Amino acid sequence: MRAPVLILILLLGGLARAQDFQQWNEVDLTASWQGLDFTAPLLARTDSQLPNPQLAATGILAEFHLPWGLMLTGGYLFADLPQESYKVNLPLLALTETAHWGRFSLADRNRFEKLFGYPTEPVRYRNRILVDRPLGAQKRWHLFADDEIFFNLTNQSWNQNRFQAGGGVRLNRKLFVDAYYLQRNPGGGGETTRVLGSTLRVSLARRVRAAEKGAEQ
């Protein structure tokens, strides 16, 4: 692992412990084949005040680019929540529309997922609005912010809201790293969760397209 990435993860971990943040780290392995973009995410969520891990997950996602700025995503994730003794199988389907306004990219993602193995096995709808701004002549850096709502279709109730803001840099043709702050507000008056997170994207292909934010938290 490149030294800047390791330093970033250690720094986020230190801040999380000092300020009572959760830490969400993710590594995304990406590749393309026959017009499809594939991502294999590896996720871990920890909390310095609680037994860990809070969550560990992996899976596979496939993205197909359609005309008119649309992208169709299908996939399967497996999540282990050891502190709650749940093992969740999560098939998902999403449609994302992307538009450009000056130097900004705007993306509206609509995602449906089924949580097998979780109590009541709910079906959730998630809508995320993302704003992304590349920086620099070669667009090596970017800033982003997004807001995502979760709606439980099974019992017709608002589930949670997640706001996220951060930035990232392309380290080389293979590696791109993001760091972010996330705030999760659950429905039903639950406790707000504050998160410091990082995402490392690793391209397994020879050529890397311009990095775009839009990977599963």
C-alpha atoms as a PDB file:
ATOM      1  CA  MET A   1       0.000   0.000   0.000  1.00  0.00           C
ATOM      2  CA  ARG A   2       1.341   3.426  -0.913  1.00  0.00           C
ATOM      3  CA  ALA A   3       2.676   5.470   2.029  1.00  0.00           C
ATOM      4  CA  PRO A   4       0.223   8.418   1.589  1.00  0.00           C
ATOM      5  CA  VAL A   5      -2.722   6.020   1.778  1.00  0.00           C
ATOM      6  CA  LEU A   6      -1.414   4.346   4.926  1.00  0.00           C
ATOM      7  CA  ILE A   7      -0.748   7.728   6.547  1.00  0.00           C
ATOM      8  CA  LEU A   8      -4.283   8.870   5.687  1.00  0.00           C
ATOM      9  CA  ILE A   9      -5.896   5.772   7.213  1.00  0.00           C
ATOM     10  CA  LEU A  10      -3.781   6.057  10.379  1.00  0.00           C
ATOM     11  CA  LEU A  11      -4.618   9.759  10.677  1.00  0.00           C
ATOM     12  CA  LEU A  12      -8.345   9.122  10.301  1.00  0.00           C
ATOM     13  CA  GLY A  13      -8.137   6.347  12.859  1.00  0.00           C
ATOM     14  CA  GLY A  14      -6.420   8.641  15.359  1.00  0.00           C
ATOM     15  CA  LEU A  15      -8.981  11.397  14.853  1.00  0.00           C
ATOM     16  CA  ALA A  16     -11.845   8.913  15.165  1.00  0.00           C
ATOM     17  CA  ARG A  17     -10.542   7.630  18.506  1.00  0.00           C
ATOM     18  CA  ALA A  18      -9.891  11.137  19.820  1.00  0.00           C
ATOM     19  CA  GLN A  19     -13.268  12.611  18.841  1.00  0.00           C
ATOM     20  CA  ASP A  20     -15.578   9.566  19.163  1.00  0.00           C
ATOM     21  CA  PHE A  21     -16.157   9.091  15.440  1.00  0.00           C
ATOM     22  CA  GLN A  22     -16.782   5.787  13.777  1.00  0.00           C
ATOM     23  CA  GLN A  23     -14.237   4.856  11.135  1.00  0.00           C
ATOM     24  CA  TRP A  24     -15.419   3.465   7.774  1.00  0.00           C
ATOM     25  CA  ASN A  25     -12.667   2.160   5.486  1.00  0.00           C
ATOM     26  CA  GLU A  26     -13.229   0.682   2.043  1.00  0.00           C
ATOM     27  CA  VAL A  27     -11.086  -0.789  -0.716  1.00  0.00           C
ATOM     28  CA  ASP A  28     -12.684  -1.068  -4.166  1.00  0.00           C
ATOM     29  CA  LEU A  29     -11.128  -3.383  -6.772  1.00  0.00           C
ATOM     30  CA  THR A  30     -12.296  -2.297 -10.237  1.00  0.00           C
ATOM     31  CA  ALA A  31     -12.058  -3.755 -13.742  1.00  0.00           C
ATOM     32  CA  SER A  32     -13.858  -3.542 -17.093  1.00  0.00           C
ATOM     33  CA  TRP A  33     -14.925  -6.294 -19.482  1.00  0.00           C
ATOM     34  CA  GLN A  34     -17.246  -6.382 -22.497  1.00  0.00           C
ATOM     35  CA  GLY A  35     -18.660  -2.912 -21.849  1.00  0.00           C
ATOM     36  CA  LEU A  36     -19.300  -3.609 -18.155  1.00  0.00           C
ATOM     37  CA  ASP A  37     -17.499  -1.992 -15.223  1.00  0.00           C
ATOM     38  CA  PHE A  38     -17.053  -4.293 -12.235  1.00  0.00           C
ATOM     39  CA  THR A  39     -16.338  -3.351  -8.617  1.00  0.00           C
ATOM     40  CA  ALA A  40     -15.530  -5.691  -5.745  1.00  0.00           C
ATOM     41  CA  PRO A  41     -15.822  -3.629  -2.520  1.00  0.00           C
ATOM     42  CA  LEU A  42     -14.186  -4.620   0.775  1.00  0.00           C
ATOM     43  CA  LEU A  43     -15.648  -2.672   3.716  1.00  0.00           C
ATOM     44  CA  ALA A  44     -14.932  -2.456   7.427  1.00  0.00           C
ATOM     45  CA  ARG A  45     -16.629  -0.218  10.000  1.00  0.00           C
ATOM     46  CA  THR A  46     -15.249   0.230  13.509  1.00  0.00           C
ATOM     47  CA  ASP A  47     -16.022   2.291  16.601  1.00  0.00           C
ATOM     48  CA  SER A  48     -13.377   3.064  19.244  1.00  0.00           C
ATOM     49  CA  GLN A  49     -16.041   3.052  21.981  1.00  0.00           C
ATOM     50  CA  LEU A  50     -17.606  -0.326  21.076  1.00  0.00           C
ATOM     51  CA  PRO A  51     -16.601  -3.923  20.297  1.00  0.00           C
ATOM     52  CA  ASN A  52     -15.401  -4.316  16.718  1.00  0.00           C
ATOM     53  CA  PRO A  53     -15.911  -4.721  13.885  1.00  0.00           C
ATOM     54  CA  GLN A  54     -19.309  -3.099  13.649  1.00  0.00           C
ATOM     55  CA  LEU A  55     -19.642  -4.303  10.058  1.00  0.00           C
ATOM     56  CA  ALA A  56     -17.574  -6.215   7.511  1.00  0.00           C
ATOM     57  CA  ALA A  57     -18.853  -6.589   3.957  1.00  0.00           C
ATOM     58  CA  THR A  58     -17.905  -7.560   0.428  1.00  0.00           C
ATOM     59  CA  GLY A  59     -19.588  -8.441  -2.846  1.00  0.00           C
ATOM     60  CA  ILE A  60     -19.645  -7.633  -6.550  1.00  0.00           C
ATOM     61  CA  LEU A  61     -21.239  -4.790  -8.526  1.00  0.00           C
ATOM     62  CA  ALA A  62     -21.627  -4.498 -12.303  1.00  0.00           C
ATOM     63  CA  GLU A  63     -22.309  -1.184 -14.077  1.00  0.00           C
ATOM     64  CA  PHE A  64     -23.604  -0.751 -17.626  1.00  0.00           C
ATOM     65  CA  HIS A  65     -23.495   2.679 -19.239  1.00  0.00           C
ATOM     66  CA  LEU A  66     -26.643   3.645 -21.147  1.00  0.00           C
ATOM     67  CA  PRO A  67     -27.357   6.627 -23.422  1.00  0.00           C
ATOM     68  CA  TRP A  68     -28.515  10.017 -22.053  1.00  0.00           C
ATOM     69  CA  GLY A  69     -26.113   9.966 -19.112  1.00  0.00           C
ATOM     70  CA  LEU A  70     -27.724   6.921 -17.486  1.00  0.00           C
ATOM     71  CA  MET A  71     -25.983   4.037 -15.739  1.00  0.00           C
ATOM     72  CA  LEU A  72     -27.581   0.755 -14.616  1.00  0.00           C
ATOM     73  CA  THR A  73     -26.026  -1.057 -11.646  1.00  0.00           C
ATOM     74  CA  GLY A  74     -26.776  -4.542 -10.411  1.00  0.00           C
ATOM     75  CA  GLY A  75     -25.044  -6.478  -7.714  1.00  0.00           C
ATOM     76  CA  TYR A  76     -24.898  -8.549  -4.575  1.00  0.00           C
ATOM     77  CA  LEU A  77     -23.353  -7.699  -1.205  1.00  0.00           C
ATOM     78  CA  PHE A  78     -22.787  -9.830   1.884  1.00  0.00           C
ATOM     79  CA  ALA A  79     -22.527  -8.027   5.223  1.00  0.00           C
ATOM     80  CA  ASP A  80     -21.569  -9.478   8.609  1.00  0.00           C
ATOM     81  CA  LEU A  81     -22.764  -7.518  11.661  1.00  0.00           C
ATOM     82  CA  PRO A  82     -21.069  -9.563  14.425  1.00  0.00           C
ATOM     83  CA  GLN A  83     -22.170  -7.334  17.316  1.00  0.00           C
ATOM     84  CA  GLU A  84     -25.817  -7.918  16.371  1.00  0.00           C
ATOM     85  CA  SER A  85     -25.319 -11.533  15.166  1.00  0.00           C
ATOM     86  CA  TYR A  86     -26.757 -10.765  11.712  1.00  0.00           C
ATOM     87  CA  LYS A  87     -25.418 -12.030   8.395  1.00  0.00           C
ATOM     88  CA  VAL A  88     -27.157 -10.090   5.636  1.00  0.00           C
ATOM     89  CA  ASN A  89     -27.423 -10.996   1.946  1.00  0.00           C
ATOM     90  CA  LEU A  90     -28.229  -7.917  -0.077  1.00  0.00           C
ATOM     91  CA  PRO A  91     -29.104  -7.998  -3.804  1.00  0.00           C
ATOM     92  CA  LEU A  92     -29.471  -4.527  -5.309  1.00  0.00           C
ATOM     93  CA  LEU A  93     -30.439  -2.661  -8.459  1.00  0.00           C
ATOM     94  CA  ALA A  94     -29.775   1.035  -9.141  1.00  0.00           C
ATOM     95  CA  LEU A  95     -30.250   3.589 -11.905  1.00  0.00           C
ATOM     96  CA  THR A  96     -28.070   6.723 -11.911  1.00  0.00           C
ATOM     97  CA  GLU A  97     -28.499   9.817 -14.064  1.00  0.00           C
ATOM     98  CA  THR A  98     -25.489  12.114 -14.442  1.00  0.00           C
ATOM     99  CA  ALA A  99     -25.468  15.657 -15.834  1.00  0.00           C
ATOM    100  CA  HIS A 100     -22.794  18.348 -16.108  1.00  0.00           C
ATOM    101  CA  TRP A 101     -23.129  21.996 -15.174  1.00  0.00           C
ATOM    102  CA  GLY A 102     -19.985  23.935 -15.910  1.00  0.00           C
ATOM    103  CA  ARG A 103     -17.176  22.150 -14.069  1.00  0.00           C
ATOM    104  CA  PHE A 104     -19.584  20.369 -11.747  1.00  0.00           C
ATOM    105  CA  SER A 105     -21.011  16.865 -12.167  1.00  0.00           C
ATOM    106  CA  LEU A 106     -24.458  16.147 -10.740  1.00  0.00           C
ATOM    107  CA  ALA A 107     -25.579  12.556 -10.188  1.00  0.00           C
ATOM    108  CA  ASP A 108     -28.980  11.298  -9.033  1.00  0.00           C
ATOM    109  CA  ARG A 109     -28.881   7.638  -7.965  1.00  0.00           C
ATOM    110  CA  ASN A 110     -32.024   5.597  -7.269  1.00  0.00           C
ATOM    111  CA  ARG A 111     -31.272   2.275  -5.599  1.00  0.00           C
ATOM    112  CA  PHE A 112     -33.469  -0.623  -4.489  1.00  0.00           C
ATOM    113  CA  GLU A 113     -32.198  -3.389  -2.209  1.00  0.00           C
ATOM    114  CA  LYS A 114     -33.503  -6.371  -0.252  1.00  0.00           C
ATOM    115  CA  LEU A 115     -31.941  -7.236   3.131  1.00  0.00           C
ATOM    116  CA  PHE A 116     -32.172 -11.010   3.551  1.00  0.00           C
ATOM    117  CA  GLY A 117     -31.166 -12.102   7.044  1.00  0.00           C
ATOM    118  CA  TYR A 118     -31.991  -8.757   8.693  1.00  0.00           C
ATOM    119  CA  PRO A 119     -35.087  -8.474  10.967  1.00  0.00           C
ATOM    120  CA  THR A 120     -38.289  -8.267   8.839  1.00  0.00           C
ATOM    121  CA  GLU A 121     -36.026  -8.576   5.728  1.00  0.00           C
ATOM    122  CA  PRO A 122     -37.002  -5.093   4.487  1.00  0.00           C
ATOM    123  CA  VAL A 123     -36.899  -3.717   0.963  1.00  0.00           C
ATOM    124  CA  ARG A 124     -35.248  -0.289   0.948  1.00  0.00           C
ATOM    125  CA  TYR A 125     -35.255   2.558  -1.550  1.00  0.00           C
ATOM    126  CA  ARG A 126     -32.262   4.902  -1.447  1.00  0.00           C
ATOM    127  CA  ASN A 127     -32.004   8.207  -3.299  1.00  0.00           C
ATOM    128  CA  ARG A 128     -28.642   9.982  -3.392  1.00  0.00           C
ATOM    129  CA  ILE A 129     -27.865  13.375  -4.930  1.00  0.00           C
ATOM    130  CA  LEU A 130     -24.116  13.889  -5.540  1.00  0.00           C
ATOM    131  CA  VAL A 131     -22.192  17.013  -6.550  1.00  0.00           C
ATOM    132  CA  ASP A 132     -18.602  16.501  -7.722  1.00  0.00           C
ATOM    133  CA  ARG A 133     -16.012  19.154  -8.675  1.00  0.00           C
ATOM    134  CA  PRO A 134     -12.677  18.170 -10.333  1.00  0.00           C
ATOM    135  CA  LEU A 135      -9.666  20.334  -9.487  1.00  0.00           C
ATOM    136  CA  GLY A 136      -6.374  21.038 -11.237  1.00  0.00           C
ATOM    137  CA  ALA A 137      -5.332  21.085 -14.876  1.00  0.00           C
ATOM    138  CA  GLN A 138      -5.160  17.280 -15.010  1.00  0.00           C
ATOM    139  CA  LYS A 139      -8.157  16.806 -12.706  1.00  0.00           C
ATOM    140  CA  ARG A 140      -6.095  14.726 -10.264  1.00  0.00           C
ATOM    141  CA  TRP A 141      -8.045  16.134  -7.307  1.00  0.00           C
ATOM    142  CA  HIS A 142     -11.756  16.435  -6.673  1.00  0.00           C
ATOM    143  CA  LEU A 143     -14.204  17.620  -4.018  1.00  0.00           C
ATOM    144  CA  PHE A 144     -17.641  16.113  -3.488  1.00  0.00           C
ATOM    145  CA  ALA A 145     -20.741  16.301  -1.340  1.00  0.00           C
ATOM    146  CA  ASP A 146     -23.864  14.163  -1.353  1.00  0.00           C
ATOM    147  CA  ASP A 147     -27.045  13.571   0.584  1.00  0.00           C
ATOM    148  CA  GLU A 148     -28.847  10.226   0.636  1.00  0.00           C
ATOM    149  CA  ILE A 149     -32.248   9.297   2.039  1.00  0.00           C
ATOM    150  CA  PHE A 150     -33.294   5.741   2.932  1.00  0.00           C
ATOM    151  CA  PHE A 151     -36.951   4.731   2.761  1.00  0.00           C
ATOM    152  CA  ASN A 152     -38.202   1.369   4.071  1.00  0.00           C
ATOM    153  CA  LEU A 153     -40.728   0.188   1.479  1.00  0.00           C
ATOM    154  CA  THR A 154     -41.758  -2.769   3.635  1.00  0.00           C
ATOM    155  CA  ASN A 155     -43.319  -0.673   6.393  1.00  0.00           C
ATOM    156  CA  GLN A 156     -43.577   2.615   4.458  1.00  0.00           C
ATOM    157  CA  SER A 157     -41.297   4.603   6.758  1.00  0.00           C
ATOM    158  CA  TRP A 158     -38.315   6.916   6.438  1.00  0.00           C
ATOM    159  CA  ASN A 159     -35.277   4.939   7.584  1.00  0.00           C
ATOM    160  CA  GLN A 160     -32.319   7.321   7.729  1.00  0.00           C
ATOM    161  CA  ASN A 161     -30.448  10.189   6.079  1.00  0.00           C
ATOM    162  CA  ARG A 162     -26.736  10.327   5.317  1.00  0.00           C
ATOM    163  CA  PHE A 163     -24.838  13.503   4.476  1.00  0.00           C
ATOM    164  CA  GLN A 164     -21.278  13.151   3.224  1.00  0.00           C
ATOM    165  CA  ALA A 165     -18.543  15.584   2.125  1.00  0.00           C
ATOM    166  CA  GLY A 166     -14.901  15.087   1.262  1.00  0.00           C
ATOM    167  CA  GLY A 167     -12.248  15.019  -1.405  1.00  0.00           C
ATOM    168  CA  GLY A 168      -9.758  12.785  -3.111  1.00  0.00           C
ATOM    169  CA  VAL A 169      -6.705  12.501  -5.319  1.00  0.00           C
ATOM    170  CA  ARG A 170      -5.510  10.178  -8.063  1.00  0.00           C
ATOM    171  CA  LEU A 171      -2.146   8.871  -6.850  1.00  0.00           C
ATOM    172  CA  ASN A 172      -1.262   7.209 -10.160  1.00  0.00           C
ATOM    173  CA  ARG A 173      -2.942   5.344 -13.019  1.00  0.00           C
ATOM    174  CA  LYS A 174      -3.999   2.538 -10.693  1.00  0.00           C
ATOM    175  CA  LEU A 175      -4.861   4.186  -7.362  1.00  0.00           C
ATOM    176  CA  PHE A 176      -7.373   6.845  -6.311  1.00  0.00           C
ATOM    177  CA  VAL A 177      -8.078   7.679  -2.662  1.00  0.00           C
ATOM    178  CA  ASP A 178     -10.943   9.618  -1.046  1.00  0.00           C
ATOM    179  CA  ALA A 179     -11.337  10.880   2.517  1.00  0.00           C
ATOM    180  CA  TYR A 180     -14.655  12.112   3.870  1.00  0.00           C
ATOM    181  CA  TYR A 181     -16.844  13.090   6.787  1.00  0.00           C
ATOM    182  CA  LEU A 182     -20.266  11.447   7.017  1.00  0.00           C
ATOM    183  CA  GLN A 183     -23.203  12.084   9.345  1.00  0.00           C
ATOM    184  CA  ARG A 184     -25.968   9.498   9.643  1.00  0.00           C
ATOM    185  CA  ASN A 185     -29.309  10.513  11.173  1.00  0.00           C
ATOM    186  CA  PRO A 186     -31.576   7.492  11.727  1.00  0.00           C
ATOM    187  CA  GLY A 187     -35.352   7.563  11.731  1.00  0.00           C
ATOM    188  CA  GLY A 188     -37.354   7.149  14.915  1.00  0.00           C
ATOM    189  CA  GLY A 189     -35.228   9.522  16.971  1.00  0.00           C
ATOM    190  CA  GLY A 190     -32.137   7.310  17.078  1.00  0.00           C
ATOM    191  CA  GLU A 191     -28.667   8.575  17.912  1.00  0.00           C
ATOM    192  CA  THR A 192     -26.709  10.439  15.233  1.00  0.00           C
ATOM    193  CA  THR A 193     -23.577   8.686  13.993  1.00  0.00           C
ATOM    194  CA  ARG A 194     -20.523  10.703  12.929  1.00  0.00           C
ATOM    195  CA  VAL A 195     -17.997   9.037  10.656  1.00  0.00           C
ATOM    196  CA  LEU A 196     -14.506   9.652   9.309  1.00  0.00           C
ATOM    197  CA  GLY A 197     -13.955   7.446   6.301  1.00  0.00           C
ATOM    198  CA  SER A 198     -11.643   6.578   3.436  1.00  0.00           C
ATOM    199  CA  THR A 199     -12.074   4.797   0.112  1.00  0.00           C
ATOM    200  CA  LEU A 200      -9.155   3.412  -1.896  1.00  0.00           C
ATOM    201  CA  ARG A 201      -9.988   2.485  -5.494  1.00  0.00           C
ATOM    202  CA  VAL A 202      -7.600   0.076  -7.222  1.00  0.00           C
ATOM    203  CA  SER A 203      -7.898  -0.382 -10.980  1.00  0.00           C
ATOM    204  CA  LEU A 204      -6.978  -3.824 -12.253  1.00  0.00           C
ATOM    205  CA  ALA A 205      -7.092  -2.620 -15.869  1.00  0.00           C
ATOM    206  CA  ARG A 206      -4.213  -1.034 -17.740  1.00  0.00           C
ATOM    207  CA  ARG A 207      -5.983   2.219 -18.437  1.00  0.00           C
ATOM    208  CA  VAL A 208      -7.987   4.146 -15.860  1.00  0.00           C
ATOM    209  CA  ARG A 209     -10.901   6.358 -16.787  1.00  0.00           C
ATOM    210  CA  ALA A 210     -11.338   9.674 -14.900  1.00  0.00           C
ATOM    211  CA  ALA A 211     -12.366   8.799 -11.341  1.00  0.00           C
ATOM    212  CA  GLU A 212     -15.996   9.401 -10.459  1.00  0.00           C
ATOM    213  CA  LYS A 213     -17.611   9.221  -6.978  1.00  0.00           C
ATOM    214  CA  GLY A 214     -20.504   6.657  -6.828  1.00  0.00           C
ATOM    215  CA  ALA A 215     -19.234   3.528  -4.964  1.00  0.00           C
ATOM    216  CA  GLU A 216     -21.842   1.535  -1.929  1.00  0.00           C
ATOM    217  CA  GLN A 217     -21.398   2.848   1.782  1.00  0.00           C
END
